[in-house]
Amino acid sequence: MSFRTEELNYMLMDILKEIGNIGSGNAATSLSKMVNKRIDMSVPEVKVLDFKDAVQSIGEEEEPVTGIYMDIFGDIKGSILFILSMDSTDKIIDALFDGKIDKVDISEKMYKSALSELGNIICSSYITAISAFTSLKIKISIPSISFDMAGAILSVPLIKLGAISDKALFIKTDFIEGQRYIQGDFILVPDVNSFENILKALGVNSK
């Protein structure tokens, strides 16, 4: 890619932050309907990162996390990840099942299914916001879910995209339901040409 992340101008970062705000707002609304409770959200933290720095943004490389992974295709290609800490995973399952679960075993099919649907809804909210700002047509695949260390989860896009991707759009948001604070990290990893297509659609020439 022919630009450095520190070269992104304030106007572009304002646009990306607005995408983060709208995507997080849509995600909070969808999540609220899913759990039938009010969901508030914190102001999202939005960054464009060199992909190698993504692990540091979500925590320690060896920290166990839940990762919900999807491919993106259409006008841009790449991968998206929604990542929850294990603490946030337990809290969201507790909210989804209305506090009726004594002990969560995330290997059980019903919890995996609920988390996959959650990831699908939240990632769709962000993708819809990106599409609205860029007028790019973007579709997502059926989600895959895994429970592993953060470093291992983040290696999936690298394995799939290899050397053809080195940047990531990172959005961190806290979703708040009553006393529960659920932190979710959304990471978009487009291939090189797709990232340039996004910037071009936002009026930025990276050449």
Foldseek 3Di string as FASTA:
>chain_A
DQDDQVPDDPVVVVLQQVLLVQLVVQLQVVLCVLLVAHKDKDRKDKGKDFLVCVLVVVHDQQQKKKWKKKWKDALFTAIKIKIWHVLLLVVSVCSNVVNPDPDDDCVDPVSQVVVQVSVVSSVVSSVVSLCVQLVTDMDIDRIDMDIGGNNVSSCVRCVVQPPQWGIKIKIWMWMDTPPDTTIMIMITITGPVRVCSSCVSNVHHSD
